[in-house]
C-alpha atoms as a PDB file:
ATOM      1  CA  MET A   1     152.195  33.278 149.092  1.00  0.00           C
ATOM      2  CA  TRP A   2     152.681  31.568 145.753  1.00  0.00           C
ATOM      3  CA  GLN A   3     149.163  32.600 144.742  1.00  0.00           C
ATOM      4  CA  ILE A   4     150.139  36.264 145.122  1.00  0.00           C
ATOM      5  CA  TRP A   5     153.228  35.776 142.964  1.00  0.00           C
ATOM      6  CA  ALA A   6     151.141  33.971 140.352  1.00  0.00           C
ATOM      7  CA  VAL A   7     148.687  36.871 140.190  1.00  0.00           C
ATOM      8  CA  LEU A   8     151.534  39.389 139.895  1.00  0.00           C
ATOM      9  CA  LEU A   9     153.130  37.402 137.075  1.00  0.00           C
ATOM     10  CA  LEU A  10     149.821  37.271 135.223  1.00  0.00           C
ATOM     11  CA  LEU A  11     149.388  41.020 135.613  1.00  0.00           C
ATOM     12  CA  MET A  12     152.909  41.658 134.348  1.00  0.00           C
ATOM     13  CA  ALA A  13     152.347  39.380 131.349  1.00  0.00           C
ATOM     14  CA  GLY A  14     149.099  41.137 130.553  1.00  0.00           C
ATOM     15  CA  ALA A  15     150.753  44.542 130.754  1.00  0.00           C
ATOM     16  CA  ALA A  16     153.130  43.578 127.936  1.00  0.00           C
ATOM     17  CA  HIS A  17     150.210  43.100 125.552  1.00  0.00           C
ATOM     18  CA  ALA A  18     148.557  46.147 124.078  1.00  0.00           C
ATOM     19  CA  ALA A  19     144.857  46.692 123.534  1.00  0.00           C
ATOM     20  CA  LEU A  20     144.989  46.277 119.770  1.00  0.00           C
ATOM     21  CA  PRO A  21     142.592  47.920 117.333  1.00  0.00           C
ATOM     22  CA  ALA A  22     140.508  45.768 115.021  1.00  0.00           C
ATOM     23  CA  ARG A  23     141.834  45.265 111.512  1.00  0.00           C
ATOM     24  CA  PRO A  24     140.333  47.755 109.060  1.00  0.00           C
ATOM     25  CA  ASP A  25     138.473  46.686 105.946  1.00  0.00           C
ATOM     26  CA  GLY A  26     141.097  48.383 103.792  1.00  0.00           C
ATOM     27  CA  PRO A  27     144.884  48.763 103.968  1.00  0.00           C
ATOM     28  CA  VAL A  28     144.881  52.005 105.998  1.00  0.00           C
ATOM     29  CA  LEU A  29     143.899  52.612 109.633  1.00  0.00           C
ATOM     30  CA  ASP A  30     144.375  56.219 110.717  1.00  0.00           C
ATOM     31  CA  GLN A  31     143.235  56.299 114.329  1.00  0.00           C
ATOM     32  CA  ALA A  32     145.663  59.132 115.072  1.00  0.00           C
ATOM     33  CA  ASN A  33     144.089  61.271 112.327  1.00  0.00           C
ATOM     34  CA  ILE A  34     147.355  62.410 110.779  1.00  0.00           C
ATOM     35  CA  LEU A  35     146.311  61.882 107.148  1.00  0.00           C
ATOM     36  CA  PRO A  36     143.995  64.263 105.275  1.00  0.00           C
ATOM     37  CA  ASP A  37     140.997  62.483 103.775  1.00  0.00           C
ATOM     38  CA  ALA A  38     142.189  62.919 100.195  1.00  0.00           C
ATOM     39  CA  ASP A  39     145.642  61.521 101.000  1.00  0.00           C
ATOM     40  CA  GLU A  40     144.169  58.582 102.888  1.00  0.00           C
ATOM     41  CA  ALA A  41     141.875  57.776  99.961  1.00  0.00           C
ATOM     42  CA  ALA A  42     144.744  57.939  97.457  1.00  0.00           C
ATOM     43  CA  LEU A  43     146.945  55.774  99.692  1.00  0.00           C
ATOM     44  CA  THR A  44     144.153  53.233 100.101  1.00  0.00           C
ATOM     45  CA  GLN A  45     143.724  53.044  96.330  1.00  0.00           C
ATOM     46  CA  LYS A  46     147.472  52.620  95.778  1.00  0.00           C
ATOM     47  CA  LEU A  47     147.859  49.843  98.362  1.00  0.00           C
ATOM     48  CA  THR A  48     144.691  48.029  97.300  1.00  0.00           C
ATOM     49  CA  ALA A  49     145.893  47.973  93.686  1.00  0.00           C
ATOM     50  CA  TYR A  50     149.337  46.747  94.757  1.00  0.00           C
ATOM     51  CA  THR A  51     147.889  43.867  96.758  1.00  0.00           C
ATOM     52  CA  ALA A  52     145.595  42.889  93.885  1.00  0.00           C
ATOM     53  CA  GLN A  53     148.547  42.895  91.494  1.00  0.00           C
ATOM     54  CA  THR A  54     151.152  41.111  93.633  1.00  0.00           C
ATOM     55  CA  GLY A  55     149.344  39.285  96.423  1.00  0.00           C
ATOM     56  CA  ARG A  56     151.481  41.126  98.987  1.00  0.00           C
ATOM     57  CA  ALA A  57     149.762  43.178 101.661  1.00  0.00           C
ATOM     58  CA  ILE A  58     151.104  46.519 102.874  1.00  0.00           C
ATOM     59  CA  ILE A  59     149.153  47.952 105.800  1.00  0.00           C
ATOM     60  CA  VAL A  60     149.577  51.448 107.234  1.00  0.00           C
ATOM     61  CA  ALA A  61     148.350  51.876 110.808  1.00  0.00           C
ATOM     62  CA  THR A  62     148.455  54.981 112.973  1.00  0.00           C
ATOM     63  CA  VAL A  63     147.502  54.718 116.640  1.00  0.00           C
ATOM     64  CA  PRO A  64     147.252  57.536 119.185  1.00  0.00           C
ATOM     65  CA  SER A  65     149.577  55.787 121.629  1.00  0.00           C
ATOM     66  CA  LEU A  66     151.416  52.514 122.261  1.00  0.00           C
ATOM     67  CA  ASP A  67     150.171  52.478 125.877  1.00  0.00           C
ATOM     68  CA  GLY A  68     153.669  51.931 127.197  1.00  0.00           C
ATOM     69  CA  VAL A  69     154.370  48.894 125.008  1.00  0.00           C
ATOM     70  CA  ASP A  70     157.650  48.752 123.088  1.00  0.00           C
ATOM     71  CA  VAL A  71     157.100  49.765 119.464  1.00  0.00           C
ATOM     72  CA  ALA A  72     158.617  46.536 118.107  1.00  0.00           C
ATOM     73  CA  ASP A  73     156.447  44.397 120.390  1.00  0.00           C
ATOM     74  CA  TYR A  74     153.337  46.382 119.514  1.00  0.00           C
ATOM     75  CA  ALA A  75     154.005  46.056 115.783  1.00  0.00           C
ATOM     76  CA  GLN A  76     154.568  42.322 116.061  1.00  0.00           C
ATOM     77  CA  GLN A  77     151.410  41.814 118.100  1.00  0.00           C
ATOM     78  CA  LEU A  78     149.387  43.892 115.653  1.00  0.00           C
ATOM     79  CA  ALA A  79     150.800  42.109 112.591  1.00  0.00           C
ATOM     80  CA  GLU A  80     150.041  38.715 114.119  1.00  0.00           C
ATOM     81  CA  SER A  81     146.582  39.762 115.263  1.00  0.00           C
ATOM     82  CA  TRP A  82     145.723  41.053 111.802  1.00  0.00           C
ATOM     83  CA  ASP A  83     147.438  38.124 110.039  1.00  0.00           C
ATOM     84  CA  ILE A  84     149.093  40.510 107.598  1.00  0.00           C
ATOM     85  CA  GLY A  85     150.196  38.714 104.458  1.00  0.00           C
ATOM     86  CA  GLY A  86     148.459  35.447 105.323  1.00  0.00           C
ATOM     87  CA  ALA A  87     149.579  32.688 107.665  1.00  0.00           C
ATOM     88  CA  LYS A  88     150.826  30.450 104.830  1.00  0.00           C
ATOM     89  CA  THR A  89     152.833  32.844 102.677  1.00  0.00           C
ATOM     90  CA  GLU A  90     153.419  35.715 105.160  1.00  0.00           C
ATOM     91  CA  GLN A  91     153.801  38.172 102.285  1.00  0.00           C
ATOM     92  CA  GLY A  92     153.018  41.353 104.152  1.00  0.00           C
ATOM     93  CA  VAL A  93     154.416  44.545 105.677  1.00  0.00           C
ATOM     94  CA  LEU A  94     153.032  46.703 108.486  1.00  0.00           C
ATOM     95  CA  PHE A  95     153.995  50.369 108.770  1.00  0.00           C
ATOM     96  CA  LEU A  96     153.086  51.459 112.298  1.00  0.00           C
ATOM     97  CA  ILE A  97     153.030  55.079 113.457  1.00  0.00           C
ATOM     98  CA  ALA A  98     152.341  56.280 117.018  1.00  0.00           C
ATOM     99  CA  PRO A  99     152.447  60.105 116.924  1.00  0.00           C
ATOM    100  CA  ALA A 100     151.914  60.680 120.650  1.00  0.00           C
ATOM    101  CA  ASP A 101     154.922  58.494 121.432  1.00  0.00           C
ATOM    102  CA  ARG A 102     156.850  59.713 118.366  1.00  0.00           C
ATOM    103  CA  LYS A 103     157.584  56.130 117.406  1.00  0.00           C
ATOM    104  CA  LEU A 104     157.659  54.326 114.060  1.00  0.00           C
ATOM    105  CA  ARG A 105     158.112  50.752 112.979  1.00  0.00           C
ATOM    106  CA  ILE A 106     158.210  48.901 109.676  1.00  0.00           C
ATOM    107  CA  HIS A 107     157.455  45.258 110.427  1.00  0.00           C
ATOM    108  CA  ALA A 108     158.071  42.784 107.597  1.00  0.00           C
ATOM    109  CA  ALA A 109     156.448  39.359 107.780  1.00  0.00           C
ATOM    110  CA  ARG A 110     158.678  36.332 107.414  1.00  0.00           C
ATOM    111  CA  GLY A 111     157.905  35.857 103.737  1.00  0.00           C
ATOM    112  CA  VAL A 112     159.384  39.242 102.783  1.00  0.00           C
ATOM    113  CA  GLN A 113     162.097  39.702 105.415  1.00  0.00           C
ATOM    114  CA  GLU A 114     164.846  38.730 102.979  1.00  0.00           C
ATOM    115  CA  ARG A 115     163.769  41.524 100.637  1.00  0.00           C
ATOM    116  CA  LEU A 116     163.051  44.016 103.426  1.00  0.00           C
ATOM    117  CA  PRO A 117     165.249  43.307 106.464  1.00  0.00           C
ATOM    118  CA  ASP A 118     165.308  45.565 109.514  1.00  0.00           C
ATOM    119  CA  VAL A 119     168.413  47.397 108.347  1.00  0.00           C
ATOM    120  CA  LEU A 120     166.639  48.574 105.182  1.00  0.00           C
ATOM    121  CA  ALA A 121     163.469  49.389 107.098  1.00  0.00           C
ATOM    122  CA  GLY A 122     165.540  51.559 109.404  1.00  0.00           C
ATOM    123  CA  ARG A 123     167.133  53.340 106.447  1.00  0.00           C
ATOM    124  CA  ILE A 124     163.703  54.099 104.980  1.00  0.00           C
ATOM    125  CA  LEU A 125     162.525  55.563 108.278  1.00  0.00           C
ATOM    126  CA  ARG A 126     165.657  57.650 108.781  1.00  0.00           C
ATOM    127  CA  ASP A 127     166.052  58.956 105.246  1.00  0.00           C
ATOM    128  CA  GLU A 128     162.511  59.176 103.895  1.00  0.00           C
ATOM    129  CA  VAL A 129     160.098  59.443 106.809  1.00  0.00           C
ATOM    130  CA  THR A 130     161.732  61.178 109.767  1.00  0.00           C
ATOM    131  CA  PRO A 131     162.709  64.407 107.938  1.00  0.00           C
ATOM    132  CA  ARG A 132     159.170  64.794 106.582  1.00  0.00           C
ATOM    133  CA  PHE A 133     157.528  64.030 109.921  1.00  0.00           C
ATOM    134  CA  ARG A 134     159.739  66.579 111.670  1.00  0.00           C
ATOM    135  CA  ALA A 135     158.522  69.137 109.129  1.00  0.00           C
ATOM    136  CA  GLY A 136     154.899  68.167 109.837  1.00  0.00           C
ATOM    137  CA  ASP A 137     154.410  66.461 106.464  1.00  0.00           C
ATOM    138  CA  TYR A 138     152.827  63.229 107.661  1.00  0.00           C
ATOM    139  CA  ALA A 139     151.177  62.327 104.362  1.00  0.00           C
ATOM    140  CA  GLY A 140     154.443  62.898 102.513  1.00  0.00           C
ATOM    141  CA  GLY A 141     156.368  60.736 104.971  1.00  0.00           C
ATOM    142  CA  VAL A 142     153.877  57.893 104.807  1.00  0.00           C
ATOM    143  CA  ASN A 143     153.779  57.927 101.011  1.00  0.00           C
ATOM    144  CA  ALA A 144     157.567  58.073 100.765  1.00  0.00           C
ATOM    145  CA  ALA A 145     157.858  55.021 103.018  1.00  0.00           C
ATOM    146  CA  VAL A 146     155.215  53.114 101.089  1.00  0.00           C
ATOM    147  CA  ASP A 147     156.896  53.897  97.763  1.00  0.00           C
ATOM    148  CA  GLN A 148     160.258  52.689  99.088  1.00  0.00           C
ATOM    149  CA  ILE A 149     158.719  49.513 100.511  1.00  0.00           C
ATOM    150  CA  ILE A 150     157.000  48.751  97.209  1.00  0.00           C
ATOM    151  CA  ALA A 151     160.196  49.427  95.252  1.00  0.00           C
ATOM    152  CA  GLN A 152     162.194  47.057  97.446  1.00  0.00           C
ATOM    153  CA  LEU A 153     159.581  44.287  97.359  1.00  0.00           C
ATOM    154  CA  ASN A 154     159.344  44.582  93.572  1.00  0.00           C
ATOM    155  CA  ARG A 155     163.062  44.140  92.978  1.00  0.00           C
ATOM    156  CA  ASP A 156     164.523  41.021  91.457  1.00  0.00           C
ATOM    157  CA  PRO A 157     165.285  38.656  94.386  1.00  0.00           C
ATOM    158  CA  ALA A 158     169.021  38.714  93.638  1.00  0.00           C
ATOM    159  CA  ASP A 159     169.062  42.514  93.520  1.00  0.00           C
ATOM    160  CA  ALA A 160     167.029  42.776  96.715  1.00  0.00           C
ATOM    161  CA  LYS A 161     169.459  40.446  98.465  1.00  0.00           C
ATOM    162  CA  ALA A 162     172.453  42.445  97.210  1.00  0.00           C
ATOM    163  CA  ILE A 163     170.952  45.688  98.493  1.00  0.00           C
ATOM    164  CA  ALA A 164     170.151  44.144 101.875  1.00  0.00           C
ATOM    165  CA  GLU A 165     173.689  42.796 102.218  1.00  0.00           C
ATOM    166  CA  ALA A 166     175.189  46.158 101.223  1.00  0.00           C
ATOM    167  CA  ALA A 167     173.054  47.933 103.804  1.00  0.00           C
ATOM    168  CA  ALA A 168     174.032  45.458 106.514  1.00  0.00           C
ATOM    169  CA  ALA A 169     177.710  45.842 105.631  1.00  0.00           C
ATOM    170  CA  ALA A 170     177.388  49.624 105.666  1.00  0.00           C
ATOM    171  CA  GLN A 171     175.828  49.510 109.104  1.00  0.00           C
ATOM    172  CA  ARG A 172     178.569  47.271 110.465  1.00  0.00           C
ATOM    173  CA  ASP A 173     181.160  49.614 109.019  1.00  0.00           C
ATOM    174  CA  GLY A 174     179.375  52.604 110.497  1.00  0.00           C
ATOM    175  CA  ALA A 175     179.821  51.156 113.972  1.00  0.00           C
ATOM    176  CA  SER A 176     183.583  50.816 113.509  1.00  0.00           C
ATOM    177  CA  SER A 177     186.276  53.462 113.644  1.00  0.00           C
ATOM    178  CA  SER A 178     186.551  55.895 110.763  1.00  0.00           C
ATOM    179  CA  GLY A 179     189.836  54.370 109.611  1.00  0.00           C
ATOM    180  CA  GLY A 180     188.375  50.892 109.549  1.00  0.00           C
ATOM    181  CA  THR A 181     185.312  52.174 107.734  1.00  0.00           C
ATOM    182  CA  ILE A 182     187.346  53.798 104.968  1.00  0.00           C
ATOM    183  CA  ALA A 183     189.405  50.643 104.499  1.00  0.00           C
ATOM    184  CA  SER A 184     186.250  48.557 104.306  1.00  0.00           C
ATOM    185  CA  ALA A 185     184.705  51.035 101.873  1.00  0.00           C
ATOM    186  CA  VAL A 186     187.701  50.682  99.557  1.00  0.00           C
ATOM    187  CA  PHE A 187     187.385  46.895  99.769  1.00  0.00           C
ATOM    188  CA  TRP A 188     183.680  46.957  98.880  1.00  0.00           C
ATOM    189  CA  ILE A 189     184.180  49.350  95.974  1.00  0.00           C
ATOM    190  CA  ILE A 190     186.911  47.114  94.530  1.00  0.00           C
ATOM    191  CA  LEU A 191     184.692  44.066  95.026  1.00  0.00           C
ATOM    192  CA  ILE A 192     181.795  45.724  93.225  1.00  0.00           C
ATOM    193  CA  VAL A 193     183.985  46.796  90.296  1.00  0.00           C
ATOM    194  CA  VAL A 194     185.357  43.262  89.946  1.00  0.00           C
ATOM    195  CA  ALA A 195     181.850  41.808  90.093  1.00  0.00           C
ATOM    196  CA  ILE A 196     180.675  44.147  87.337  1.00  0.00           C
ATOM    197  CA  ALA A 197     183.616  43.119  85.144  1.00  0.00           C
ATOM    198  CA  ILE A 198     183.024  39.405  85.706  1.00  0.00           C
ATOM    199  CA  PHE A 199     179.300  39.498  85.100  1.00  0.00           C
ATOM    200  CA  GLY A 200     179.728  41.842  82.153  1.00  0.00           C
ATOM    201  CA  ARG A 201     182.054  39.383  80.392  1.00  0.00           C
ATOM    202  CA  ARG A 202     179.871  36.433  81.287  1.00  0.00           C
ATOM    203  CA  ASN A 203     176.791  38.008  79.757  1.00  0.00           C
ATOM    204  CA  ARG A 204     178.422  39.688  76.736  1.00  0.00           C
ATOM    205  CA  GLY A 205     176.680  38.710  73.539  1.00  0.00           C
ATOM    206  CA  PHE A 206     173.435  37.759  75.255  1.00  0.00           C
ATOM    207  CA  ALA A 207     171.476  40.938  74.720  1.00  0.00           C
ATOM    208  CA  HIS A 208     168.179  39.260  75.485  1.00  0.00           C
ATOM    209  CA  ARG A 209     169.275  38.445  79.024  1.00  0.00           C
ATOM    210  CA  ARG A 210     169.877  40.672  82.012  1.00  0.00           C
ATOM    211  CA  SER A 211     173.550  41.605  82.113  1.00  0.00           C
ATOM    212  CA  GLY A 212     174.433  40.548  85.635  1.00  0.00           C
ATOM    213  CA  ILE A 213     174.127  43.061  88.448  1.00  0.00           C
ATOM    214  CA  ASP A 214     171.667  45.916  88.091  1.00  0.00           C
ATOM    215  CA  PRO A 215     173.660  49.189  87.887  1.00  0.00           C
ATOM    216  CA  GLY A 216     171.132  50.753  90.232  1.00  0.00           C
ATOM    217  CA  VAL A 217     172.035  48.173  92.846  1.00  0.00           C
ATOM    218  CA  VAL A 218     175.726  48.999  92.469  1.00  0.00           C
ATOM    219  CA  LEU A 219     175.137  52.731  92.821  1.00  0.00           C
ATOM    220  CA  TRP A 220     172.937  52.147  95.855  1.00  0.00           C
ATOM    221  CA  GLY A 221     175.599  49.977  97.453  1.00  0.00           C
ATOM    222  CA  ILE A 222     178.267  52.623  96.925  1.00  0.00           C
ATOM    223  CA  SER A 223     175.999  55.298  98.400  1.00  0.00           C
ATOM    224  CA  GLU A 224     175.475  53.138 101.478  1.00  0.00           C
ATOM    225  CA  ILE A 225     179.233  52.701 101.852  1.00  0.00           C
ATOM    226  CA  ALA A 226     179.732  56.451 101.600  1.00  0.00           C
ATOM    227  CA  ARG A 227     177.014  56.967 104.191  1.00  0.00           C
ATOM    228  CA  ALA A 228     178.759  54.598 106.585  1.00  0.00           C
ATOM    229  CA  ALA A 229     182.106  56.314 106.059  1.00  0.00           C
ATOM    230  CA  SER A 230     180.686  59.749 106.828  1.00  0.00           C
ATOM    231  CA  HIS A 231     178.454  58.647 109.725  1.00  0.00           C
ATOM    232  CA  SER A 232     180.594  56.087 111.474  1.00  0.00           C
ATOM    233  CA  ASN A 233     178.788  56.417 114.798  1.00  0.00           C
ATOM    234  CA  SER A 234     175.229  56.470 113.513  1.00  0.00           C
ATOM    235  CA  ASN A 235     172.609  54.036 114.680  1.00  0.00           C
ATOM    236  CA  SER A 236     170.349  52.462 112.080  1.00  0.00           C
ATOM    237  CA  GLY A 237     167.450  52.019 114.461  1.00  0.00           C
ATOM    238  CA  TRP A 238     166.881  48.514 113.098  1.00  0.00           C
ATOM    239  CA  GLY A 239     163.435  49.298 111.789  1.00  0.00           C
ATOM    240  CA  GLY A 240     162.191  51.313 114.757  1.00  0.00           C
ATOM    241  CA  SER A 241     162.659  55.056 115.065  1.00  0.00           C
ATOM    242  CA  SER A 242     161.661  58.166 116.947  1.00  0.00           C
ATOM    243  CA  TRP A 243     161.412  61.367 114.954  1.00  0.00           C
ATOM    244  CA  GLY A 244     162.106  63.430 118.049  1.00  0.00           C
ATOM    245  CA  GLY A 245     165.845  62.923 117.754  1.00  0.00           C
ATOM    246  CA  SER A 246     167.248  59.470 118.488  1.00  0.00           C
ATOM    247  CA  ASP A 247     166.524  56.086 116.994  1.00  0.00           C
ATOM    248  CA  SER A 248     165.016  53.274 119.010  1.00  0.00           C
ATOM    249  CA  GLY A 249     166.072  49.663 118.841  1.00  0.00           C
END
C-alpha cells in the first residue's frame, strides 16, 4: 500500500513543476508571439545594452500557458532554471507573461529585491502594464514595465529603499479603513516635510553634494499615499496580476 502512496506523492510533486522552455540566447523569449518583430528587436537591443552597462539582467519571457502551475511558482522555477542574474550576485529580473492564462509576474532575484520588492512590482503591473494589455497594446505594456524596472534599479540605493518603504506603507494603509488611511496619510506627509527640512539644513552650503532626499522620491511617496487613501480596499497583487480583472497573489 505504501508503494502506491509513494507513487502518488511523486506524481503530485511532478505536477507542481512546469515543463520550462530553454533559456534564449538573448534577453527576450516570445513563445506566445505577442510582440511584433520590430518591437522585439528594439526591446532586445535595449535590454542587451542595459546588461552590458550595469551587469544586471532583465529577461522578458512570454509563454502560451502556465500548464496549471501558479504564476509565482512558474516564474521562480524559470528564473532558477535560467540562472537569471548569476548565482553569485543574483542581479536579475524576470518579467513573465502568460497570455492564455492572463497572468503576469515580475520576479526579482535576491540581489535586487531591496530595490524592486513585490509591492513595487505589483504597482508596475497594475499601473503600467494591465491597462495597456487590456487595450491590446502588448508591446507598449512590456516596454512600459521594462522602463519602470530599469528606472527603479538605477535609483540611488537610499532612494530606492525610500520608495519601496513608501509603497509598502501605502499598501498597508490601503487595507485599513478609510479613516485610518487618511490619518496615516497625514502622518506620512508631516514626516516627509520634516525630513526635507532636516536634510535641507544639514546639506545647506554643500552645493557639490546631493541635498538629502530626492524630491522625486518625495513626490512619489505622496502619490502612493494618495492612492492608498482613495483605494483603501485595493489589492496590490504582490507582483502577480491578471489583466482580466482581479489581481492574483
